[in-house]
Structures are given as structure tokens and as C-alpha cells.
PDB file of N, CA and C in Angstrom:
ATOM      1  N   MET A   1     103.291 102.781 102.255  1.00  0.00           N
ATOM      2  CA  MET A   1     104.137 102.719 100.867  1.00  0.00           C
ATOM      3  C   MET A   1     103.431 103.458  99.739  1.00  0.00           C
ATOM      4  N   ILE A   2     103.599 104.116  98.987  1.00  0.00           N
ATOM      5  CA  ILE A   2     103.155 104.893  97.962  1.00  0.00           C
ATOM      6  C   ILE A   2     102.956 103.937  96.568  1.00  0.00           C
ATOM      7  N   ASN A   3     101.973 103.446  95.984  1.00  0.00           N
ATOM      8  CA  ASN A   3     102.079 103.317  94.225  1.00  0.00           C
ATOM      9  C   ASN A   3     102.476 104.251  93.653  1.00  0.00           C
ATOM     10  N   VAL A   4     103.953 103.775  93.278  1.00  0.00           N
ATOM     11  CA  VAL A   4     104.909 104.532  92.436  1.00  0.00           C
ATOM     12  C   VAL A   4     104.343 105.162  91.094  1.00  0.00           C
ATOM     13  N   TYR A   5     103.351 104.054  90.661  1.00  0.00           N
ATOM     14  CA  TYR A   5     103.428 104.425  89.232  1.00  0.00           C
ATOM     15  C   TYR A   5     101.990 105.334  88.872  1.00  0.00           C
ATOM     16  N   LYS A   6     101.027 105.502  89.972  1.00  0.00           N
ATOM     17  CA  LYS A   6     100.075 106.248  90.092  1.00  0.00           C
ATOM     18  C   LYS A   6     100.683 107.539  90.537  1.00  0.00           C
ATOM     19  N   TYR A   7     101.549 107.625  91.656  1.00  0.00           N
ATOM     20  CA  TYR A   7     102.130 108.890  91.933  1.00  0.00           C
ATOM     21  C   TYR A   7     103.110 109.502  91.001  1.00  0.00           C
ATOM     22  N   THR A   8     103.429 109.162  90.043  1.00  0.00           N
ATOM     23  CA  THR A   8     104.429 109.462  89.018  1.00  0.00           C
ATOM     24  C   THR A   8     103.315 109.474  87.553  1.00  0.00           C
ATOM     25  N   GLU A   9     102.193 109.198  87.537  1.00  0.00           N
ATOM     26  CA  GLU A   9     101.767 109.386  86.045  1.00  0.00           C
ATOM     27  C   GLU A   9     101.401 110.632  85.417  1.00  0.00           C
ATOM     28  N   GLU A  10     101.480 111.610  86.291  1.00  0.00           N
ATOM     29  CA  GLU A  10     101.612 113.104  85.790  1.00  0.00           C
ATOM     30  C   GLU A  10     102.650 113.882  85.597  1.00  0.00           C
ATOM     31  N   THR A  11     103.840 112.902  86.012  1.00  0.00           N
ATOM     32  CA  THR A  11     105.745 113.452  86.097  1.00  0.00           C
ATOM     33  C   THR A  11     105.678 114.377  84.732  1.00  0.00           C
ATOM     34  N   PHE A  12     105.462 113.973  83.521  1.00  0.00           N
ATOM     35  CA  PHE A  12     105.835 114.060  82.351  1.00  0.00           C
ATOM     36  C   PHE A  12     105.359 115.685  82.282  1.00  0.00           C
ATOM     37  N   ASN A  13     103.976 115.777  82.871  1.00  0.00           N
ATOM     38  CA  ASN A  13     103.084 117.091  82.594  1.00  0.00           C
ATOM     39  C   ASN A  13     104.075 118.119  83.462  1.00  0.00           C
ATOM     40  N   HIS A  14     104.787 117.904  84.650  1.00  0.00           N
ATOM     41  CA  HIS A  14     105.319 118.919  85.195  1.00  0.00           C
ATOM     42  C   HIS A  14     106.996 119.170  84.867  1.00  0.00           C
ATOM     43  N   VAL A  15     107.438 118.559  83.841  1.00  0.00           N
ATOM     44  CA  VAL A  15     108.981 118.475  83.756  1.00  0.00           C
ATOM     45  C   VAL A  15     108.909 120.082  82.926  1.00  0.00           C
ATOM     46  N   PRO A  16     109.719 121.056  83.137  1.00  0.00           N
ATOM     47  CA  PRO A  16     109.941 122.201  82.680  1.00  0.00           C
ATOM     48  C   PRO A  16     110.807 122.029  81.539  1.00  0.00           C
ATOM     49  N   LYS A  17     110.374 122.726  80.168  1.00  0.00           N
ATOM     50  CA  LYS A  17     111.171 122.761  79.227  1.00  0.00           C
ATOM     51  C   LYS A  17     112.483 122.444  79.207  1.00  0.00           C
ATOM     52  N   GLY A  18     113.034 121.912  78.443  1.00  0.00           N
ATOM     53  CA  GLY A  18     114.549 121.441  78.230  1.00  0.00           C
ATOM     54  C   GLY A  18     115.414 120.973  79.793  1.00  0.00           C
ATOM     55  N   TYR A  19     114.434 120.516  80.539  1.00  0.00           N
ATOM     56  CA  TYR A  19     114.446 119.270  81.646  1.00  0.00           C
ATOM     57  C   TYR A  19     114.435 117.960  81.396  1.00  0.00           C
ATOM     58  N   CYS A  20     114.861 117.323  80.792  1.00  0.00           N
ATOM     59  CA  CYS A  20     114.666 115.886  80.913  1.00  0.00           C
ATOM     60  C   CYS A  20     115.742 114.861  80.878  1.00  0.00           C
ATOM     61  N   ALA A  21     115.643 113.684  81.022  1.00  0.00           N
ATOM     62  CA  ALA A  21     116.850 112.939  81.137  1.00  0.00           C
ATOM     63  C   ALA A  21     117.133 112.234  79.396  1.00  0.00           C
ATOM     64  N   TYR A  22     118.301 112.719  79.300  1.00  0.00           N
ATOM     65  CA  TYR A  22     118.655 112.260  77.570  1.00  0.00           C
ATOM     66  C   TYR A  22     118.603 110.845  77.611  1.00  0.00           C
ATOM     67  N   GLY A  23     118.705 110.177  76.406  1.00  0.00           N
ATOM     68  CA  GLY A  23     119.006 108.865  76.214  1.00  0.00           C
ATOM     69  C   GLY A  23     120.076 108.254  76.466  1.00  0.00           C
ATOM     70  N   SER A  24     121.491 109.238  76.166  1.00  0.00           N
ATOM     71  CA  SER A  24     122.775 109.047  76.453  1.00  0.00           C
ATOM     72  C   SER A  24     123.032 109.143  77.859  1.00  0.00           C
ATOM     73  N   GLU A  25     122.202 109.874  78.765  1.00  0.00           N
ATOM     74  CA  GLU A  25     122.476 110.200  79.846  1.00  0.00           C
ATOM     75  C   GLU A  25     121.976 108.922  80.896  1.00  0.00           C
ATOM     76  N   ILE A  26     120.851 108.137  80.354  1.00  0.00           N
ATOM     77  CA  ILE A  26     120.504 107.042  80.882  1.00  0.00           C
ATOM     78  C   ILE A  26     121.243 105.939  80.272  1.00  0.00           C
ATOM     79  N   GLU A  27     121.390 105.904  79.312  1.00  0.00           N
ATOM     80  CA  GLU A  27     122.321 104.727  78.818  1.00  0.00           C
ATOM     81  C   GLU A  27     123.569 104.720  79.650  1.00  0.00           C
ATOM     82  N   GLN A  28     124.368 106.198  80.081  1.00  0.00           N
ATOM     83  CA  GLN A  28     125.451 105.978  80.665  1.00  0.00           C
ATOM     84  C   GLN A  28     125.306 104.998  82.098  1.00  0.00           C
ATOM     85  N   ILE A  29     124.407 105.807  82.873  1.00  0.00           N
ATOM     86  CA  ILE A  29     123.706 105.259  84.110  1.00  0.00           C
ATOM     87  C   ILE A  29     123.495 103.487  84.099  1.00  0.00           C
ATOM     88  N   TYR A  30     123.051 103.229  82.857  1.00  0.00           N
ATOM     89  CA  TYR A  30     122.694 101.667  82.591  1.00  0.00           C
ATOM     90  C   TYR A  30     123.906 100.845  82.699  1.00  0.00           C
ATOM     91  N   LYS A  31     124.989 101.665  82.092  1.00  0.00           N
ATOM     92  CA  LYS A  31     126.234 100.899  81.849  1.00  0.00           C
ATOM     93  C   LYS A  31     126.868 100.850  83.070  1.00  0.00           C
ATOM     94  N   GLU A  32     126.996 102.015  84.121  1.00  0.00           N
ATOM     95  CA  GLU A  32     127.856 102.109  85.009  1.00  0.00           C
ATOM     96  C   GLU A  32     127.197 100.790  86.016  1.00  0.00           C
ATOM     97  N   ASN A  33     125.920 100.573  86.041  1.00  0.00           N
ATOM     98  CA  ASN A  33     124.949  99.758  86.752  1.00  0.00           C
ATOM     99  C   ASN A  33     124.335  98.562  85.973  1.00  0.00           C
ATOM    100  N   SER A  34     125.164  97.878  85.634  1.00  0.00           N
ATOM    101  CA  SER A  34     124.775  96.683  84.671  1.00  0.00           C
ATOM    102  C   SER A  34     123.811  95.836  85.451  1.00  0.00           C
ATOM    103  N   GLY A  35     122.789  95.151  85.341  1.00  0.00           N
ATOM    104  CA  GLY A  35     121.956  94.398  85.669  1.00  0.00           C
ATOM    105  C   GLY A  35     120.453  95.291  85.883  1.00  0.00           C
ATOM    106  N   LEU A  36     120.878  96.652  86.017  1.00  0.00           N
ATOM    107  CA  LEU A  36     119.257  97.401  85.890  1.00  0.00           C
ATOM    108  C   LEU A  36     118.700  97.544  84.532  1.00  0.00           C
ATOM    109  N   LEU A  37     117.333  97.771  84.743  1.00  0.00           N
ATOM    110  CA  LEU A  37     116.592  97.593  83.201  1.00  0.00           C
ATOM    111  C   LEU A  37     116.534  99.069  83.024  1.00  0.00           C
ATOM    112  N   TYR A  38     116.418  99.429  81.990  1.00  0.00           N
ATOM    113  CA  TYR A  38     116.214 100.924  81.317  1.00  0.00           C
ATOM    114  C   TYR A  38     115.275 101.308  82.059  1.00  0.00           C
ATOM    115  N   ASP A  39     114.221 100.703  81.780  1.00  0.00           N
ATOM    116  CA  ASP A  39     112.787 101.007  82.186  1.00  0.00           C
ATOM    117  C   ASP A  39     112.778 101.603  84.138  1.00  0.00           C
ATOM    118  N   CYS A  40     113.340 100.801  84.643  1.00  0.00           N
ATOM    119  CA  CYS A  40     113.797 100.939  85.798  1.00  0.00           C
ATOM    120  C   CYS A  40     114.186 102.404  86.077  1.00  0.00           C
ATOM    121  N   ILE A  41     115.442 102.802  85.517  1.00  0.00           N
ATOM    122  CA  ILE A  41     116.008 103.799  85.909  1.00  0.00           C
ATOM    123  C   ILE A  41     115.177 105.205  85.222  1.00  0.00           C
ATOM    124  N   VAL A  42     114.552 104.943  84.445  1.00  0.00           N
ATOM    125  CA  VAL A  42     113.415 105.734  83.934  1.00  0.00           C
ATOM    126  C   VAL A  42     112.331 106.211  85.191  1.00  0.00           C
ATOM    127  N   ASP A  43     112.027 104.893  85.798  1.00  0.00           N
ATOM    128  CA  ASP A  43     110.886 105.138  86.739  1.00  0.00           C
ATOM    129  C   ASP A  43     111.302 105.497  87.620  1.00  0.00           C
ATOM    130  N   ALA A  44     113.137 105.516  88.177  1.00  0.00           N
ATOM    131  CA  ALA A  44     113.243 106.093  89.298  1.00  0.00           C
ATOM    132  C   ALA A  44     113.747 107.603  89.286  1.00  0.00           C
ATOM    133  N   TRP A  45     113.869 107.950  87.862  1.00  0.00           N
ATOM    134  CA  TRP A  45     113.995 109.285  87.701  1.00  0.00           C
ATOM    135  C   TRP A  45     112.700 110.066  87.429  1.00  0.00           C
ATOM    136  N   LYS A  46     111.691 109.466  87.154  1.00  0.00           N
ATOM    137  CA  LYS A  46     110.287 110.279  87.168  1.00  0.00           C
ATOM    138  C   LYS A  46     109.946 110.255  89.017  1.00  0.00           C
ATOM    139  N   LEU A  47     110.134 109.428  89.900  1.00  0.00           N
ATOM    140  CA  LEU A  47     109.849 109.424  91.027  1.00  0.00           C
ATOM    141  C   LEU A  47     110.302 110.583  91.638  1.00  0.00           C
ATOM    142  N   GLY A  48     112.035 110.638  91.449  1.00  0.00           N
ATOM    143  CA  GLY A  48     112.681 111.637  92.026  1.00  0.00           C
ATOM    144  C   GLY A  48     112.367 112.740  91.834  1.00  0.00           C
ATOM    145  N   PHE A  49     111.966 113.093  90.424  1.00  0.00           N
ATOM    146  CA  PHE A  49     111.844 114.277  90.105  1.00  0.00           C
ATOM    147  C   PHE A  49     110.157 114.686  90.756  1.00  0.00           C
ATOM    148  N   GLU A  50     109.428 113.805  90.996  1.00  0.00           N
ATOM    149  CA  GLU A  50     107.917 114.278  91.234  1.00  0.00           C
ATOM    150  C   GLU A  50     107.997 114.609  92.647  1.00  0.00           C
ATOM    151  N   GLN A  51     109.042 113.626  93.242  1.00  0.00           N
ATOM    152  CA  GLN A  51     108.850 114.345  94.989  1.00  0.00           C
ATOM    153  C   GLN A  51     109.742 115.756  94.966  1.00  0.00           C
ATOM    154  N   ALA A  52     110.565 116.054  93.998  1.00  0.00           N
ATOM    155  CA  ALA A  52     111.416 117.332  94.334  1.00  0.00           C
ATOM    156  C   ALA A  52     110.056 118.387  93.587  1.00  0.00           C
ATOM    157  N   TYR A  53     109.375 118.089  92.640  1.00  0.00           N
ATOM    158  CA  TYR A  53     108.402 118.836  92.366  1.00  0.00           C
ATOM    159  C   TYR A  53     107.407 119.045  93.265  1.00  0.00           C
ATOM    160  N   ARG A  54     106.822 118.306  93.501  1.00  0.00           N
ATOM    161  CA  ARG A  54     105.945 118.098  95.073  1.00  0.00           C
ATOM    162  C   ARG A  54     106.603 119.220  96.046  1.00  0.00           C
ATOM    163  N   ALA A  55     107.695 119.185  96.440  1.00  0.00           N
ATOM    164  CA  ALA A  55     108.254 119.633  97.477  1.00  0.00           C
ATOM    165  C   ALA A  55     108.503 121.192  97.402  1.00  0.00           C
ATOM    166  N   ALA A  56     108.788 121.341  95.781  1.00  0.00           N
ATOM    167  CA  ALA A  56     109.019 122.758  95.176  1.00  0.00           C
ATOM    168  C   ALA A  56     107.556 123.538  95.268  1.00  0.00           C
ATOM    169  N   LYS A  57     106.479 122.862  95.024  1.00  0.00           N
ATOM    170  CA  LYS A  57     104.968 123.456  94.855  1.00  0.00           C
ATOM    171  C   LYS A  57     104.760 123.573  96.261  1.00  0.00           C
ATOM    172  N   ALA A  58     104.950 122.795  97.343  1.00  0.00           N
ATOM    173  CA  ALA A  58     104.569 123.059  98.493  1.00  0.00           C
ATOM    174  C   ALA A  58     105.552 124.064  99.139  1.00  0.00           C
ATOM    175  N   GLY A  59     106.595 124.486  98.389  1.00  0.00           N
ATOM    176  CA  GLY A  59     107.211 125.442  99.204  1.00  0.00           C
ATOM    177  C   GLY A  59     108.180 124.848 100.405  1.00  0.00           C
ATOM    178  N   LYS A  60     108.812 123.708 100.302  1.00  0.00           N
ATOM    179  CA  LYS A  60     109.308 122.765 100.962  1.00  0.00           C
ATOM    180  C   LYS A  60     110.831 122.554 101.093  1.00  0.00           C
ATOM    181  N   LEU A  61     111.329 123.448  99.874  1.00  0.00           N
ATOM    182  CA  LEU A  61     112.747 123.117  99.888  1.00  0.00           C
ATOM    183  C   LEU A  61     113.508 124.190 100.454  1.00  0.00           C
ATOM    184  N   ASP A  62     114.824 123.527 100.896  1.00  0.00           N
ATOM    185  CA  ASP A  62     115.409 124.548 101.895  1.00  0.00           C
ATOM    186  C   ASP A  62     115.708 126.099 101.314  1.00  0.00           C
ATOM    187  N   PHE A  63     116.064 126.407 100.436  1.00  0.00           N
ATOM    188  CA  PHE A  63     116.305 127.343  99.649  1.00  0.00           C
ATOM    189  C   PHE A  63     114.631 128.301  99.548  1.00  0.00           C
ATOM    190  N   GLN A  64     113.580 127.807  99.934  1.00  0.00           N
ATOM    191  CA  GLN A  64     112.463 128.563  99.858  1.00  0.00           C
ATOM    192  C   GLN A  64     111.992 128.901 101.132  1.00  0.00           C
ATOM    193  N   GLN A  65     112.606 128.459 102.173  1.00  0.00           N
ATOM    194  CA  GLN A  65     112.368 128.925 103.620  1.00  0.00           C
ATOM    195  C   GLN A  65     113.092 130.296 103.956  1.00  0.00           C
ATOM    196  N   GLN A  66     111.923 130.911 104.941  1.00  0.00           N
ATOM    197  CA  GLN A  66     112.685 131.876 105.265  1.00  0.00           C
ATOM    198  C   GLN A  66     113.421 131.886 106.393  1.00  0.00           C
ATOM    199  N   GLN A  67     114.564 132.861 105.958  1.00  0.00           N
ATOM    200  CA  GLN A  67     115.711 132.710 106.943  1.00  0.00           C
ATOM    201  C   GLN A  67     115.312 133.839 108.566  1.00  0.00           C
TER     202      GLN A  67
END
């Protein structure tokens, strides 16, 4: 198992300009999933973004593969 907080400590440095989770979007998710904490949702987003970032950087996304 990875240490999520260590894994994502640099995530915000990788986010392209204009790509972010807006408060209204997080609030919408929070309201739809009552009982989840705001910080948990942000941490989950960071983890998902970091995984996508690292996969793209490594050329592992399906659209980066040679056909």
C-alpha cells in the first residue's frame, strides 16, 4: 500500500493551469455523498490526478500507445 499523503505531496505542482477542482464542484460531490468530509474528497481527487499524471508522464495511457 502506498502512503497517499507522501504520494500526493507534489500534486498541486503538476496541475496544468486552468485544471482544478472548484469549490462548487467539491460541494456538489459532498452534498451527494453526505457523510464524507470535504478534505477526504480533495485528497481523493489529488490521488486520482497524481495517478493520471504519472501514467501520462510514463506514456502509459491508452491514447499514448502505438497502434
